[in-house]
Amino acid sequence: MKIAVYPGSFDPITCGHLDVIKRAAKIVDVLIIGVLNNSSKKSLFTPEERVELIERVVKDIPNVKVESFSGLTVDFAKERNATVLVRGLRAVTDFEYELQIAQTNHKLNPDIDTIFFTTSVEYAYLSSSIAKEVASFGGSVQGLLPEEIIDTVFEKLNVKGRK
């Protein structure tokens, strides 16, 4: 059984993340979305809230599970018997950073490989930060965030927004 982990902060999950999830879920038996609990990072949503938001969005993808974790991604992956890490690449600038992380992870655990998914063109500019910025000013986040979470994001930001 091929198990993969797609780690990230997902604060919040975007349509770009969902695109990678759907594509990765097609090539593995189980895809675990690993929601990173990074206490040094100021997040809009708690790890528990992010898990719940992602679960809403992926409920119709049967081989996807969502869990939060802290610590090293390779340790989380090993505990889940995963042999693959999934990462998304938006631009060349992402590649340099992601390559360094992938090589470090491979050094820490040579049994775990990283697969990169290049973003679909329509999401090349998209990040959680951009989506939050647009939402914080009440802008339309249609096509940036999955429909299932748009109202929750606006509520969390205490903003009357446009879908």
C-alpha atoms as a PDB file:
ATOM      1  CA  MET A   1       0.000   0.000   0.000  1.00  0.00           C
ATOM      2  CA  LYS A   2       1.455   3.365  -1.077  1.00  0.00           C
ATOM      3  CA  ILE A   3       0.934   6.015   1.636  1.00  0.00           C
ATOM      4  CA  ALA A   4       1.862   9.661   1.102  1.00  0.00           C
ATOM      5  CA  VAL A   5       1.847  12.732   3.322  1.00  0.00           C
ATOM      6  CA  TYR A   6       1.080  16.205   2.016  1.00  0.00           C
ATOM      7  CA  PRO A   7       2.372  18.503   4.779  1.00  0.00           C
ATOM      8  CA  GLY A   8       1.666  22.191   5.170  1.00  0.00           C
ATOM      9  CA  SER A   9       0.117  24.883   7.284  1.00  0.00           C
ATOM     10  CA  PHE A  10      -3.031  25.169   5.105  1.00  0.00           C
ATOM     11  CA  ASP A  11      -4.074  28.422   6.823  1.00  0.00           C
ATOM     12  CA  PRO A  12      -6.549  28.182   5.143  1.00  0.00           C
ATOM     13  CA  ILE A  13      -6.662  25.522   2.450  1.00  0.00           C
ATOM     14  CA  THR A  14      -6.865  27.098  -1.014  1.00  0.00           C
ATOM     15  CA  CYS A  15      -8.107  25.889  -4.380  1.00  0.00           C
ATOM     16  CA  GLY A  16      -4.444  25.391  -5.282  1.00  0.00           C
ATOM     17  CA  HIS A  17      -3.944  23.040  -2.340  1.00  0.00           C
ATOM     18  CA  LEU A  18      -7.116  21.188  -3.292  1.00  0.00           C
ATOM     19  CA  ASP A  19      -5.859  20.798  -6.856  1.00  0.00           C
ATOM     20  CA  VAL A  20      -2.667  19.122  -5.571  1.00  0.00           C
ATOM     21  CA  ILE A  21      -4.679  16.935  -3.175  1.00  0.00           C
ATOM     22  CA  LYS A  22      -6.975  15.663  -5.928  1.00  0.00           C
ATOM     23  CA  ARG A  23      -4.076  14.906  -8.254  1.00  0.00           C
ATOM     24  CA  ALA A  24      -1.938  13.231  -5.582  1.00  0.00           C
ATOM     25  CA  ALA A  25      -4.877  11.145  -4.318  1.00  0.00           C
ATOM     26  CA  LYS A  26      -5.090   9.550  -7.772  1.00  0.00           C
ATOM     27  CA  ILE A  27      -1.588   8.050  -7.567  1.00  0.00           C
ATOM     28  CA  VAL A  28      -1.432   6.776  -3.977  1.00  0.00           C
ATOM     29  CA  ASP A  29      -3.572   4.439  -1.942  1.00  0.00           C
ATOM     30  CA  VAL A  30      -3.768   6.785   1.046  1.00  0.00           C
ATOM     31  CA  LEU A  31      -3.000  10.494   1.152  1.00  0.00           C
ATOM     32  CA  ILE A  32      -2.611  12.017   4.603  1.00  0.00           C
ATOM     33  CA  ILE A  33      -2.894  15.778   4.774  1.00  0.00           C
ATOM     34  CA  GLY A  34      -0.483  16.693   7.565  1.00  0.00           C
ATOM     35  CA  VAL A  35      -1.514  20.016   9.087  1.00  0.00           C
ATOM     36  CA  LEU A  36       1.589  21.505  10.620  1.00  0.00           C
ATOM     37  CA  ASN A  37       1.215  22.885  14.120  1.00  0.00           C
ATOM     38  CA  ASN A  38       3.902  25.562  14.031  1.00  0.00           C
ATOM     39  CA  SER A  39       3.707  27.536  17.285  1.00  0.00           C
ATOM     40  CA  SER A  40       6.217  30.111  16.022  1.00  0.00           C
ATOM     41  CA  LYS A  41       3.938  31.083  13.134  1.00  0.00           C
ATOM     42  CA  LYS A  42       0.955  33.395  13.634  1.00  0.00           C
ATOM     43  CA  SER A  43      -1.962  31.519  12.122  1.00  0.00           C
ATOM     44  CA  LEU A  44      -5.509  32.668  11.502  1.00  0.00           C
ATOM     45  CA  PHE A  45      -6.927  29.246  12.351  1.00  0.00           C
ATOM     46  CA  THR A  46      -5.888  26.790  15.065  1.00  0.00           C
ATOM     47  CA  PRO A  47      -4.579  23.403  13.914  1.00  0.00           C
ATOM     48  CA  GLU A  48      -7.885  21.827  14.963  1.00  0.00           C
ATOM     49  CA  GLU A  49      -9.864  24.372  12.952  1.00  0.00           C
ATOM     50  CA  ARG A  50      -7.647  23.825   9.900  1.00  0.00           C
ATOM     51  CA  VAL A  51      -8.151  20.047  10.142  1.00  0.00           C
ATOM     52  CA  GLU A  52     -11.919  20.583  10.301  1.00  0.00           C
ATOM     53  CA  LEU A  53     -11.892  22.964   7.319  1.00  0.00           C
ATOM     54  CA  ILE A  54      -9.847  20.538   5.217  1.00  0.00           C
ATOM     55  CA  GLU A  55     -12.081  17.621   6.205  1.00  0.00           C
ATOM     56  CA  ARG A  56     -15.080  19.593   4.894  1.00  0.00           C
ATOM     57  CA  VAL A  57     -13.325  20.173   1.581  1.00  0.00           C
ATOM     58  CA  VAL A  58     -12.031  16.605   1.023  1.00  0.00           C
ATOM     59  CA  LYS A  59     -15.028  14.687   2.364  1.00  0.00           C
ATOM     60  CA  ASP A  60     -15.752  13.228  -1.081  1.00  0.00           C
ATOM     61  CA  ILE A  61     -12.210  11.942  -1.671  1.00  0.00           C
ATOM     62  CA  PRO A  62     -12.290   8.542   0.070  1.00  0.00           C
ATOM     63  CA  ASN A  63      -8.534   7.872   0.312  1.00  0.00           C
ATOM     64  CA  VAL A  64      -7.679  11.225   1.960  1.00  0.00           C
ATOM     65  CA  LYS A  65      -7.218  11.585   5.717  1.00  0.00           C
ATOM     66  CA  VAL A  66      -6.435  14.758   7.646  1.00  0.00           C
ATOM     67  CA  GLU A  67      -4.311  14.983  10.796  1.00  0.00           C
ATOM     68  CA  SER A  68      -2.369  17.683  12.600  1.00  0.00           C
ATOM     69  CA  PHE A  69       1.207  17.210  13.745  1.00  0.00           C
ATOM     70  CA  SER A  70       4.184  19.031  15.183  1.00  0.00           C
ATOM     71  CA  GLY A  71       7.832  18.227  14.827  1.00  0.00           C
ATOM     72  CA  LEU A  72       9.681  16.890  11.827  1.00  0.00           C
ATOM     73  CA  THR A  73       7.637  15.956   8.783  1.00  0.00           C
ATOM     74  CA  VAL A  74       9.768  12.848   8.175  1.00  0.00           C
ATOM     75  CA  ASP A  75       9.013  11.613  11.700  1.00  0.00           C
ATOM     76  CA  PHE A  76       5.277  12.133  11.157  1.00  0.00           C
ATOM     77  CA  ALA A  77       5.509  10.337   7.797  1.00  0.00           C
ATOM     78  CA  LYS A  78       7.434   7.412   9.301  1.00  0.00           C
ATOM     79  CA  GLU A  79       4.859   7.060  12.115  1.00  0.00           C
ATOM     80  CA  ARG A  80       2.147   6.800   9.430  1.00  0.00           C
ATOM     81  CA  ASN A  81       4.148   4.299   7.321  1.00  0.00           C
ATOM     82  CA  ALA A  82       4.348   6.822   4.488  1.00  0.00           C
ATOM     83  CA  THR A  83       7.142   6.540   1.961  1.00  0.00           C
ATOM     84  CA  VAL A  84       6.299   9.644  -0.059  1.00  0.00           C
ATOM     85  CA  LEU A  85       5.962  13.336   0.715  1.00  0.00           C
ATOM     86  CA  VAL A  86       3.875  15.468  -1.638  1.00  0.00           C
ATOM     87  CA  ARG A  87       4.755  19.103  -2.294  1.00  0.00           C
ATOM     88  CA  GLY A  88       3.328  21.699  -4.651  1.00  0.00           C
ATOM     89  CA  LEU A  89       5.416  24.075  -6.746  1.00  0.00           C
ATOM     90  CA  ARG A  90       4.015  27.387  -7.961  1.00  0.00           C
ATOM     91  CA  ALA A  91       7.119  29.025  -9.369  1.00  0.00           C
ATOM     92  CA  VAL A  92      10.866  28.621  -9.806  1.00  0.00           C
ATOM     93  CA  THR A  93      11.365  30.439  -6.492  1.00  0.00           C
ATOM     94  CA  ASP A  94       9.426  27.644  -4.732  1.00  0.00           C
ATOM     95  CA  PHE A  95      11.632  25.006  -6.321  1.00  0.00           C
ATOM     96  CA  GLU A  96      14.884  26.162  -4.727  1.00  0.00           C
ATOM     97  CA  TYR A  97      13.385  26.135  -1.223  1.00  0.00           C
ATOM     98  CA  GLU A  98      11.447  22.892  -1.750  1.00  0.00           C
ATOM     99  CA  LEU A  99      14.487  21.110  -3.204  1.00  0.00           C
ATOM    100  CA  GLN A 100      16.511  22.014  -0.114  1.00  0.00           C
ATOM    101  CA  ILE A 101      13.742  20.723   2.175  1.00  0.00           C
ATOM    102  CA  ALA A 102      13.358  17.518   0.113  1.00  0.00           C
ATOM    103  CA  GLN A 103      17.092  16.838   0.247  1.00  0.00           C
ATOM    104  CA  THR A 104      17.174  17.470   3.997  1.00  0.00           C
ATOM    105  CA  ASN A 105      14.208  15.145   4.531  1.00  0.00           C
ATOM    106  CA  HIS A 106      15.901  12.464   2.414  1.00  0.00           C
ATOM    107  CA  LYS A 107      19.074  12.849   4.479  1.00  0.00           C
ATOM    108  CA  LEU A 108      17.037  12.465   7.688  1.00  0.00           C
ATOM    109  CA  ASN A 109      15.187   9.421   6.331  1.00  0.00           C
ATOM    110  CA  PRO A 110      16.417   7.884   3.032  1.00  0.00           C
ATOM    111  CA  ASP A 111      13.281   5.698   2.883  1.00  0.00           C
ATOM    112  CA  ILE A 112      11.081   8.723   2.239  1.00  0.00           C
ATOM    113  CA  ASP A 113      11.010  10.421  -1.168  1.00  0.00           C
ATOM    114  CA  THR A 114       9.378  13.668  -2.225  1.00  0.00           C
ATOM    115  CA  ILE A 115       7.188  14.104  -5.294  1.00  0.00           C
ATOM    116  CA  PHE A 116       6.526  17.583  -6.637  1.00  0.00           C
ATOM    117  CA  PHE A 117       3.323  18.627  -8.340  1.00  0.00           C
ATOM    118  CA  THR A 118       3.566  21.749 -10.419  1.00  0.00           C
ATOM    119  CA  THR A 119       0.588  23.962  -9.864  1.00  0.00           C
ATOM    120  CA  SER A 120      -2.160  24.139 -12.403  1.00  0.00           C
ATOM    121  CA  VAL A 121      -1.803  27.407 -14.302  1.00  0.00           C
ATOM    122  CA  GLU A 122      -4.950  28.958 -12.833  1.00  0.00           C
ATOM    123  CA  TYR A 123      -3.441  28.742  -9.310  1.00  0.00           C
ATOM    124  CA  ALA A 124       0.155  29.773 -10.049  1.00  0.00           C
ATOM    125  CA  TYR A 125      -0.210  33.066  -8.148  1.00  0.00           C
ATOM    126  CA  LEU A 126      -2.281  31.703  -5.262  1.00  0.00           C
ATOM    127  CA  SER A 127      -1.205  31.293  -1.644  1.00  0.00           C
ATOM    128  CA  SER A 128      -3.054  31.194   1.673  1.00  0.00           C
ATOM    129  CA  SER A 129      -1.574  34.621   2.452  1.00  0.00           C
ATOM    130  CA  ILE A 130      -3.009  36.134  -0.722  1.00  0.00           C
ATOM    131  CA  ALA A 131      -6.420  34.579  -0.104  1.00  0.00           C
ATOM    132  CA  LYS A 132      -6.455  35.900   3.484  1.00  0.00           C
ATOM    133  CA  GLU A 133      -5.419  39.358   2.301  1.00  0.00           C
ATOM    134  CA  VAL A 134      -8.239  39.518  -0.254  1.00  0.00           C
ATOM    135  CA  ALA A 135     -10.748  38.175   2.277  1.00  0.00           C
ATOM    136  CA  SER A 136      -9.610  40.590   5.004  1.00  0.00           C
ATOM    137  CA  PHE A 137     -10.721  43.489   2.786  1.00  0.00           C
ATOM    138  CA  GLY A 138     -14.015  41.812   1.932  1.00  0.00           C
ATOM    139  CA  GLY A 139     -12.912  40.991  -1.612  1.00  0.00           C
ATOM    140  CA  SER A 140     -14.225  38.101  -3.651  1.00  0.00           C
ATOM    141  CA  VAL A 141     -12.402  34.855  -2.895  1.00  0.00           C
ATOM    142  CA  GLN A 142     -14.341  32.869  -5.495  1.00  0.00           C
ATOM    143  CA  GLY A 143     -11.828  30.554  -7.159  1.00  0.00           C
ATOM    144  CA  LEU A 144      -9.250  31.221  -4.434  1.00  0.00           C
ATOM    145  CA  LEU A 145     -10.834  29.264  -1.600  1.00  0.00           C
ATOM    146  CA  PRO A 146     -13.047  26.176  -1.757  1.00  0.00           C
ATOM    147  CA  GLU A 147     -16.761  27.052  -1.487  1.00  0.00           C
ATOM    148  CA  GLU A 148     -17.158  24.936   1.659  1.00  0.00           C
ATOM    149  CA  ILE A 149     -14.965  27.259   3.738  1.00  0.00           C
ATOM    150  CA  ILE A 150     -15.531  30.766   2.347  1.00  0.00           C
ATOM    151  CA  ASP A 151     -18.148  31.813   4.919  1.00  0.00           C
ATOM    152  CA  THR A 152     -16.008  30.468   7.762  1.00  0.00           C
ATOM    153  CA  VAL A 153     -12.991  32.478   6.611  1.00  0.00           C
ATOM    154  CA  PHE A 154     -15.019  35.692   6.453  1.00  0.00           C
ATOM    155  CA  GLU A 155     -16.506  34.949   9.901  1.00  0.00           C
ATOM    156  CA  LYS A 156     -13.053  34.318  11.366  1.00  0.00           C
ATOM    157  CA  LEU A 157     -11.800  37.606   9.918  1.00  0.00           C
ATOM    158  CA  ASN A 158     -14.976  39.316  11.157  1.00  0.00           C
ATOM    159  CA  VAL A 159     -15.508  40.729   7.676  1.00  0.00           C
ATOM    160  CA  LYS A 160     -18.583  40.880   5.503  1.00  0.00           C
ATOM    161  CA  GLY A 161     -17.213  39.444   2.312  1.00  0.00           C
ATOM    162  CA  ARG A 162     -18.183  38.605  -1.205  1.00  0.00           C
ATOM    163  CA  LYS A 163     -17.980  35.061  -2.419  1.00  0.00           C
END
